[in-house]
Amino acid sequence: AQNAVNNAIRDGRIERKPCQICGTSDGVHGHHRDYAKPLEVTWLCPRCHHRMHAIFPELEGVNKGPTP
């Protein structure tokens, strides 16, 4: 999913946006809610991404597939 987003950014198919929580543009990356939809991302900075998973730990690993 990360490679798909990076390739889409490189190819101009999607555009990196500011963090959807705090609005910063520093270090923003795409957060995947569903890995089956690799180009559907929520743009988050590392700080907000970490906070989101701390507040909603049930989101960790959603739709990543079975763990070994």
N, C-alpha and C. Protein backbone atom coordinates (compact mmCIF):
# COMPACT_ATOMS: atom_id res chain seq x y z
N ALA A 1 0.82 -1.19 0.00
CA ALA A 1 0.00 0.00 0.00
C ALA A 1 0.87 1.26 0.00
N GLN A 2 1.95 1.23 0.78
CA GLN A 2 2.84 2.39 0.83
C GLN A 2 3.50 2.61 -0.53
N ASN A 3 3.92 1.54 -1.17
CA ASN A 3 4.52 1.67 -2.50
C ASN A 3 3.52 2.22 -3.50
N ALA A 4 2.28 1.77 -3.41
CA ALA A 4 1.25 2.26 -4.33
C ALA A 4 1.06 3.77 -4.17
N VAL A 5 1.02 4.25 -2.93
CA VAL A 5 0.87 5.69 -2.68
C VAL A 5 2.09 6.44 -3.19
N ASN A 6 3.28 5.95 -2.87
CA ASN A 6 4.50 6.63 -3.31
C ASN A 6 4.58 6.69 -4.83
N ASN A 7 4.22 5.62 -5.51
CA ASN A 7 4.23 5.60 -6.97
C ASN A 7 3.19 6.57 -7.54
N ALA A 8 2.00 6.61 -6.92
CA ALA A 8 0.95 7.51 -7.38
C ALA A 8 1.36 8.97 -7.20
N ILE A 9 2.05 9.28 -6.11
CA ILE A 9 2.55 10.64 -5.89
C ILE A 9 3.59 10.97 -6.97
N ARG A 10 4.52 10.07 -7.17
CA ARG A 10 5.57 10.27 -8.17
C ARG A 10 4.98 10.49 -9.56
N ASP A 11 3.94 9.72 -9.89
CA ASP A 11 3.34 9.78 -11.23
C ASP A 11 2.32 10.90 -11.37
N GLY A 12 2.06 11.65 -10.28
CA GLY A 12 1.13 12.76 -10.33
C GLY A 12 -0.34 12.35 -10.28
N ARG A 13 -0.62 11.10 -9.89
CA ARG A 13 -2.01 10.63 -9.81
C ARG A 13 -2.70 11.07 -8.52
N ILE A 14 -1.93 11.27 -7.46
CA ILE A 14 -2.46 11.83 -6.22
C ILE A 14 -1.46 12.86 -5.71
N GLU A 15 -1.93 13.73 -4.87
CA GLU A 15 -1.10 14.80 -4.34
C GLU A 15 -1.05 14.71 -2.81
N ARG A 16 0.15 14.82 -2.27
CA ARG A 16 0.31 14.84 -0.82
C ARG A 16 -0.33 16.11 -0.29
N LYS A 17 -1.13 15.98 0.77
CA LYS A 17 -1.84 17.12 1.34
C LYS A 17 -1.37 17.38 2.76
N PRO A 18 -1.72 18.52 3.35
CA PRO A 18 -1.38 18.78 4.75
C PRO A 18 -2.10 17.79 5.68
N CYS A 19 -1.61 17.67 6.89
CA CYS A 19 -2.21 16.81 7.89
C CYS A 19 -3.68 17.19 8.08
N GLN A 20 -4.54 16.21 8.04
CA GLN A 20 -5.97 16.47 8.14
C GLN A 20 -6.42 16.80 9.56
N ILE A 21 -5.52 16.67 10.52
CA ILE A 21 -5.87 17.01 11.90
C ILE A 21 -5.31 18.37 12.29
N CYS A 22 -4.00 18.56 12.12
CA CYS A 22 -3.37 19.80 12.59
C CYS A 22 -3.02 20.78 11.48
N GLY A 23 -2.99 20.33 10.23
CA GLY A 23 -2.74 21.21 9.11
C GLY A 23 -1.29 21.39 8.71
N THR A 24 -0.35 20.80 9.44
CA THR A 24 1.06 20.94 9.08
C THR A 24 1.36 20.18 7.79
N SER A 25 2.41 20.60 7.11
CA SER A 25 2.86 19.90 5.90
C SER A 25 4.16 19.14 6.15
N ASP A 26 4.67 19.21 7.37
CA ASP A 26 5.96 18.59 7.71
C ASP A 26 5.83 17.08 7.90
N GLY A 27 6.49 16.32 7.04
CA GLY A 27 6.57 14.87 7.20
C GLY A 27 5.26 14.13 7.02
N VAL A 28 4.31 14.73 6.33
CA VAL A 28 2.99 14.12 6.17
C VAL A 28 3.08 12.85 5.33
N HIS A 29 2.35 11.83 5.74
CA HIS A 29 2.29 10.58 4.99
C HIS A 29 0.86 10.08 4.99
N GLY A 30 0.59 9.13 4.14
CA GLY A 30 -0.76 8.59 4.00
C GLY A 30 -1.02 7.47 4.98
N HIS A 31 -2.08 7.61 5.76
CA HIS A 31 -2.52 6.56 6.68
C HIS A 31 -3.61 5.76 5.98
N HIS A 32 -3.46 4.45 5.97
CA HIS A 32 -4.43 3.57 5.33
C HIS A 32 -5.41 3.03 6.36
N ARG A 33 -6.69 3.30 6.15
CA ARG A 33 -7.72 2.70 6.99
C ARG A 33 -8.04 1.30 6.49
N ASP A 34 -7.86 1.08 5.20
CA ASP A 34 -8.16 -0.22 4.59
C ASP A 34 -7.10 -0.50 3.54
N TYR A 35 -6.25 -1.49 3.80
CA TYR A 35 -5.16 -1.80 2.88
C TYR A 35 -5.65 -2.38 1.56
N ALA A 36 -6.90 -2.78 1.50
CA ALA A 36 -7.46 -3.25 0.23
C ALA A 36 -7.74 -2.09 -0.71
N LYS A 37 -7.69 -0.86 -0.18
CA LYS A 37 -7.89 0.36 -0.98
C LYS A 37 -6.64 1.22 -0.83
N PRO A 38 -5.54 0.84 -1.47
CA PRO A 38 -4.25 1.47 -1.19
C PRO A 38 -4.14 2.95 -1.53
N LEU A 39 -4.98 3.47 -2.41
CA LEU A 39 -4.88 4.88 -2.74
C LEU A 39 -5.87 5.74 -1.97
N GLU A 40 -6.64 5.14 -1.08
CA GLU A 40 -7.53 5.89 -0.20
C GLU A 40 -6.79 6.10 1.11
N VAL A 41 -6.24 7.29 1.29
CA VAL A 41 -5.44 7.57 2.48
C VAL A 41 -5.94 8.81 3.20
N THR A 42 -5.65 8.86 4.48
CA THR A 42 -5.86 10.04 5.29
C THR A 42 -4.48 10.63 5.50
N TRP A 43 -4.29 11.89 5.17
CA TRP A 43 -2.97 12.51 5.28
C TRP A 43 -2.75 12.96 6.72
N LEU A 44 -1.71 12.42 7.35
CA LEU A 44 -1.39 12.71 8.74
C LEU A 44 0.10 12.94 8.92
N CYS A 45 0.43 13.87 9.83
CA CYS A 45 1.83 14.04 10.22
C CYS A 45 2.15 12.94 11.22
N PRO A 46 3.41 12.64 11.46
CA PRO A 46 3.76 11.57 12.40
C PRO A 46 3.17 11.77 13.80
N ARG A 47 3.14 13.00 14.27
CA ARG A 47 2.62 13.27 15.62
C ARG A 47 1.13 12.93 15.71
N CYS A 48 0.34 13.41 14.76
CA CYS A 48 -1.10 13.13 14.78
C CYS A 48 -1.38 11.65 14.51
N HIS A 49 -0.59 11.02 13.65
CA HIS A 49 -0.76 9.60 13.36
C HIS A 49 -0.54 8.79 14.63
N HIS A 50 0.51 9.11 15.36
CA HIS A 50 0.80 8.41 16.62
C HIS A 50 -0.34 8.63 17.61
N ARG A 51 -0.79 9.86 17.73
CA ARG A 51 -1.88 10.18 18.66
C ARG A 51 -3.16 9.43 18.29
N MET A 52 -3.44 9.35 17.00
CA MET A 52 -4.64 8.65 16.57
C MET A 52 -4.61 7.19 17.00
N HIS A 53 -3.46 6.53 16.84
CA HIS A 53 -3.35 5.13 17.23
C HIS A 53 -3.34 4.97 18.75
N ALA A 54 -2.84 5.98 19.47
CA ALA A 54 -2.86 5.93 20.93
C ALA A 54 -4.29 6.06 21.45
N ILE A 55 -5.08 6.91 20.81
CA ILE A 55 -6.46 7.14 21.23
C ILE A 55 -7.37 6.01 20.76
N PHE A 56 -7.10 5.49 19.56
CA PHE A 56 -7.93 4.44 18.97
C PHE A 56 -7.08 3.21 18.65
N PRO A 57 -6.60 2.49 19.67
CA PRO A 57 -5.72 1.34 19.40
C PRO A 57 -6.39 0.24 18.59
N GLU A 58 -7.72 0.21 18.59
CA GLU A 58 -8.42 -0.81 17.81
C GLU A 58 -8.21 -0.63 16.31
N LEU A 59 -7.75 0.55 15.88
CA LEU A 59 -7.47 0.78 14.47
C LEU A 59 -6.16 0.14 14.03
N GLU A 60 -5.30 -0.18 14.96
CA GLU A 60 -4.02 -0.76 14.61
C GLU A 60 -4.22 -2.12 13.96
N GLY A 61 -3.73 -2.26 12.77
CA GLY A 61 -3.77 -3.55 12.08
C GLY A 61 -5.08 -3.85 11.37
N VAL A 62 -6.02 -2.91 11.33
CA VAL A 62 -7.29 -3.16 10.66
C VAL A 62 -7.03 -3.45 9.18
N ASN A 63 -7.56 -4.55 8.72
CA ASN A 63 -7.49 -4.95 7.30
C ASN A 63 -6.07 -5.12 6.79
N LYS A 64 -5.14 -5.47 7.66
CA LYS A 64 -3.78 -5.75 7.19
C LYS A 64 -3.64 -7.23 6.83
N GLY A 65 -4.65 -8.00 7.13
CA GLY A 65 -4.59 -9.41 6.85
C GLY A 65 -4.20 -10.18 8.09
N PRO A 66 -4.15 -11.49 7.99
CA PRO A 66 -3.83 -12.32 9.16
C PRO A 66 -2.39 -12.13 9.61
N THR A 67 -2.20 -12.19 10.90
CA THR A 67 -0.84 -12.13 11.43
C THR A 67 -0.28 -13.53 11.55
N PRO A 68 1.00 -13.68 11.31
CA PRO A 68 1.60 -15.03 11.35
C PRO A 68 1.62 -15.60 12.74
